[in-house]
N, C-alpha and C. Protein backbone atom coordinates (compact mmCIF):
# COMPACT_ATOMS: atom_id res chain seq x y z
N MET A 1 183.69 68.41 131.43
CA MET A 1 184.09 67.69 132.61
C MET A 1 183.20 68.07 133.78
N SER A 2 183.24 67.29 134.81
CA SER A 2 182.41 67.52 135.98
C SER A 2 183.10 68.47 136.95
N ASP A 3 182.30 69.16 137.75
CA ASP A 3 182.86 70.08 138.73
C ASP A 3 182.87 69.46 140.13
N HIS A 4 182.79 68.14 140.21
CA HIS A 4 182.75 67.45 141.49
C HIS A 4 184.16 67.20 142.01
N ASP A 5 184.31 67.26 143.34
CA ASP A 5 185.58 66.94 144.00
C ASP A 5 185.45 65.52 144.54
N TYR A 6 186.09 64.56 143.85
CA TYR A 6 185.97 63.17 144.24
C TYR A 6 187.02 62.75 145.26
N SER A 7 187.84 63.69 145.74
CA SER A 7 188.85 63.36 146.72
C SER A 7 188.26 63.20 148.12
N GLN A 8 187.04 63.68 148.31
CA GLN A 8 186.37 63.56 149.61
C GLN A 8 185.07 62.77 149.44
N THR A 9 184.65 62.13 150.52
CA THR A 9 183.38 61.41 150.49
C THR A 9 182.25 62.41 150.36
N PRO A 10 181.36 62.21 149.38
CA PRO A 10 180.26 63.16 149.19
C PRO A 10 179.32 63.18 150.39
N ARG A 11 178.80 64.34 150.68
CA ARG A 11 177.81 64.46 151.75
C ARG A 11 176.52 63.82 151.29
N ARG A 12 175.79 63.31 152.22
CA ARG A 12 174.50 62.67 151.94
C ARG A 12 173.39 63.65 152.26
N LYS A 13 172.29 63.55 151.54
CA LYS A 13 171.12 64.39 151.76
C LYS A 13 169.93 63.47 151.96
N ARG A 14 169.25 63.65 153.07
CA ARG A 14 168.05 62.86 153.35
C ARG A 14 166.91 63.43 152.52
N VAL A 15 166.21 62.54 151.80
CA VAL A 15 165.08 62.94 150.97
C VAL A 15 163.93 61.96 151.15
N ASN A 16 162.75 62.40 150.80
CA ASN A 16 161.59 61.53 150.79
C ASN A 16 161.26 61.20 149.34
N LEU A 17 161.07 59.92 149.06
CA LEU A 17 160.70 59.47 147.72
C LEU A 17 159.42 58.67 147.79
N THR A 18 158.66 58.73 146.73
CA THR A 18 157.49 57.88 146.61
C THR A 18 157.79 56.81 145.58
N VAL A 19 157.71 55.55 146.01
CA VAL A 19 158.05 54.42 145.14
C VAL A 19 156.90 53.43 145.19
N ARG A 20 156.62 52.80 144.06
CA ARG A 20 155.54 51.81 144.02
C ARG A 20 155.78 50.72 145.06
N GLU A 21 154.70 50.30 145.71
CA GLU A 21 154.81 49.28 146.76
C GLU A 21 155.39 47.98 146.25
N ASP A 22 154.97 47.53 145.05
CA ASP A 22 155.45 46.25 144.54
C ASP A 22 156.95 46.29 144.26
N VAL A 23 157.44 47.44 143.82
CA VAL A 23 158.88 47.58 143.56
C VAL A 23 159.65 47.52 144.87
N MET A 24 159.18 48.23 145.89
CA MET A 24 159.86 48.23 147.18
C MET A 24 159.80 46.85 147.84
N LYS A 25 158.67 46.16 147.67
CA LYS A 25 158.53 44.82 148.26
C LYS A 25 159.55 43.87 147.64
N GLU A 26 159.67 43.92 146.32
CA GLU A 26 160.62 43.04 145.64
C GLU A 26 162.07 43.40 145.99
N ALA A 27 162.37 44.68 146.07
CA ALA A 27 163.72 45.10 146.45
C ALA A 27 164.07 44.60 147.85
N LYS A 28 163.11 44.71 148.75
CA LYS A 28 163.34 44.26 150.13
C LYS A 28 163.55 42.75 150.16
N GLU A 29 162.72 42.01 149.41
CA GLU A 29 162.86 40.56 149.35
C GLU A 29 164.22 40.14 148.81
N LEU A 30 164.77 40.94 147.91
CA LEU A 30 166.08 40.64 147.32
C LEU A 30 167.23 41.18 148.16
N GLY A 31 166.91 41.90 149.23
CA GLY A 31 167.94 42.44 150.11
C GLY A 31 168.69 43.61 149.51
N LEU A 32 168.04 44.34 148.61
CA LEU A 32 168.69 45.49 147.99
C LEU A 32 168.64 46.71 148.90
N ASN A 33 169.65 47.53 148.82
CA ASN A 33 169.70 48.79 149.55
C ASN A 33 168.94 49.81 148.70
N ALA A 34 167.76 50.20 149.15
CA ALA A 34 166.91 51.09 148.37
C ALA A 34 167.56 52.46 148.15
N SER A 35 168.29 52.95 149.14
CA SER A 35 168.96 54.25 148.98
C SER A 35 170.01 54.20 147.89
N LYS A 36 170.83 53.16 147.89
CA LYS A 36 171.87 53.03 146.87
C LYS A 36 171.25 52.81 145.49
N ALA A 37 170.18 52.02 145.42
CA ALA A 37 169.53 51.78 144.14
C ALA A 37 168.90 53.07 143.60
N ALA A 38 168.27 53.83 144.48
CA ALA A 38 167.67 55.11 144.06
C ALA A 38 168.75 56.06 143.58
N GLU A 39 169.85 56.14 144.32
CA GLU A 39 170.95 57.03 143.94
C GLU A 39 171.52 56.63 142.58
N ALA A 40 171.69 55.33 142.37
CA ALA A 40 172.21 54.86 141.08
C ALA A 40 171.26 55.23 139.95
N GLY A 41 169.96 55.08 140.19
CA GLY A 41 168.97 55.44 139.17
C GLY A 41 168.96 56.93 138.88
N ILE A 42 169.08 57.73 139.92
CA ILE A 42 169.11 59.20 139.74
C ILE A 42 170.38 59.60 138.99
N LYS A 43 171.52 59.00 139.36
CA LYS A 43 172.77 59.30 138.66
C LYS A 43 172.67 58.96 137.18
N ALA A 44 172.06 57.81 136.87
CA ALA A 44 171.90 57.41 135.47
C ALA A 44 170.99 58.39 134.73
N ALA A 45 169.91 58.82 135.39
CA ALA A 45 169.00 59.78 134.76
C ALA A 45 169.68 61.13 134.52
N VAL A 46 170.51 61.56 135.47
CA VAL A 46 171.25 62.82 135.32
C VAL A 46 172.22 62.71 134.15
N ARG A 47 172.97 61.61 134.08
CA ARG A 47 173.93 61.40 133.00
C ARG A 47 173.22 61.39 131.64
N GLU A 48 172.09 60.71 131.56
CA GLU A 48 171.33 60.64 130.31
C GLU A 48 170.81 62.02 129.90
N GLU A 49 170.29 62.77 130.86
CA GLU A 49 169.76 64.10 130.56
C GLU A 49 170.86 65.05 130.14
N LYS A 50 172.01 64.98 130.81
CA LYS A 50 173.14 65.82 130.41
C LYS A 50 173.57 65.50 128.98
N GLY A 51 173.61 64.22 128.64
CA GLY A 51 173.97 63.82 127.29
C GLY A 51 172.96 64.32 126.27
N ARG A 52 171.68 64.20 126.60
CA ARG A 52 170.63 64.67 125.70
C ARG A 52 170.75 66.18 125.48
N ARG A 53 170.98 66.92 126.56
CA ARG A 53 171.11 68.38 126.44
C ARG A 53 172.36 68.77 125.66
N TRP A 54 173.48 68.06 125.88
CA TRP A 54 174.70 68.36 125.16
C TRP A 54 174.47 68.17 123.66
N LEU A 55 173.84 67.05 123.30
CA LEU A 55 173.57 66.80 121.88
C LEU A 55 172.67 67.89 121.30
N ALA A 56 171.65 68.30 122.04
CA ALA A 56 170.74 69.35 121.55
C ALA A 56 171.49 70.67 121.38
N GLU A 57 172.34 71.01 122.35
CA GLU A 57 173.08 72.27 122.29
C GLU A 57 174.13 72.27 121.17
N ASN A 58 174.62 71.10 120.81
CA ASN A 58 175.69 71.00 119.82
C ASN A 58 175.24 70.42 118.48
N ARG A 59 173.94 70.29 118.31
CA ARG A 59 173.39 69.67 117.10
C ARG A 59 173.90 70.34 115.82
N GLU A 60 173.89 71.67 115.79
CA GLU A 60 174.32 72.38 114.58
C GLU A 60 175.80 72.16 114.30
N ALA A 61 176.63 72.21 115.31
CA ALA A 61 178.07 72.00 115.13
C ALA A 61 178.34 70.57 114.67
N ILE A 62 177.63 69.61 115.22
CA ILE A 62 177.82 68.21 114.82
C ILE A 62 177.40 68.03 113.36
N ALA A 63 176.28 68.62 112.98
CA ALA A 63 175.81 68.52 111.59
C ALA A 63 176.81 69.18 110.65
N ALA A 64 177.34 70.34 111.02
CA ALA A 64 178.33 71.02 110.18
C ALA A 64 179.59 70.17 110.05
N HIS A 65 180.03 69.58 111.14
CA HIS A 65 181.21 68.71 111.11
C HIS A 65 180.97 67.52 110.18
N ASN A 66 179.81 66.89 110.30
CA ASN A 66 179.50 65.73 109.46
C ASN A 66 179.44 66.12 107.98
N ARG A 67 178.89 67.31 107.69
CA ARG A 67 178.85 67.78 106.29
C ARG A 67 180.27 67.99 105.76
N ARG A 68 181.15 68.55 106.59
CA ARG A 68 182.53 68.75 106.16
C ARG A 68 183.23 67.42 105.90
N ILE A 69 183.00 66.46 106.76
CA ILE A 69 183.60 65.13 106.58
C ILE A 69 183.10 64.51 105.27
N GLU A 70 181.81 64.62 105.00
CA GLU A 70 181.26 64.08 103.75
C GLU A 70 181.88 64.78 102.54
N ARG A 71 182.07 66.07 102.65
CA ARG A 71 182.58 66.88 101.54
C ARG A 71 184.08 66.70 101.34
N GLU A 72 184.87 66.72 102.45
CA GLU A 72 186.32 66.77 102.36
C GLU A 72 187.03 65.52 102.88
N GLY A 73 186.31 64.66 103.55
CA GLY A 73 186.94 63.50 104.17
C GLY A 73 187.55 63.87 105.51
N VAL A 74 188.11 62.88 106.18
CA VAL A 74 188.72 63.11 107.49
C VAL A 74 190.09 63.76 107.32
N LEU A 75 190.51 64.52 108.31
CA LEU A 75 191.82 65.17 108.24
C LEU A 75 192.95 64.15 108.30
N LEU A 76 192.86 63.23 109.21
CA LEU A 76 193.84 62.16 109.35
C LEU A 76 193.12 60.83 109.29
N PRO A 77 193.37 60.03 108.26
CA PRO A 77 192.68 58.74 108.19
C PRO A 77 193.10 57.84 109.35
N PRO A 78 192.19 57.03 109.84
CA PRO A 78 192.53 56.13 110.95
C PRO A 78 193.66 55.18 110.56
N ALA A 79 194.50 54.83 111.51
CA ALA A 79 195.64 53.95 111.25
C ALA A 79 195.20 52.59 110.74
N TRP A 80 194.05 52.12 111.15
CA TRP A 80 193.61 50.79 110.74
C TRP A 80 193.33 50.73 109.23
N LEU A 81 193.13 51.88 108.57
CA LEU A 81 192.91 51.85 107.11
C LEU A 81 194.18 51.44 106.38
N ASP A 82 195.36 51.73 106.96
CA ASP A 82 196.62 51.36 106.34
C ASP A 82 196.82 49.85 106.33
N GLU A 83 196.14 49.16 107.24
CA GLU A 83 196.33 47.71 107.38
C GLU A 83 195.48 46.92 106.39
N ILE A 84 194.55 47.59 105.73
CA ILE A 84 193.65 46.88 104.81
C ILE A 84 194.31 46.63 103.48
């Protein structure tokens, strides 16, 4: 889980970014908020990297779990199997 407190509005941090001119020109022409778009892109990159790291850190446990499932089957079969 995340350690963020979502009950309050997050503080903003002023940063300098370097962005390709053609990308900024098109964003401006479309009336996009560059700060919000950059934040959304950074959030997506953070989420993706966290997922990649979690998978790398848990690779052995996941492989062991999958081997057990192949060997012994699932502990509780899904309810939808009863409907077949």
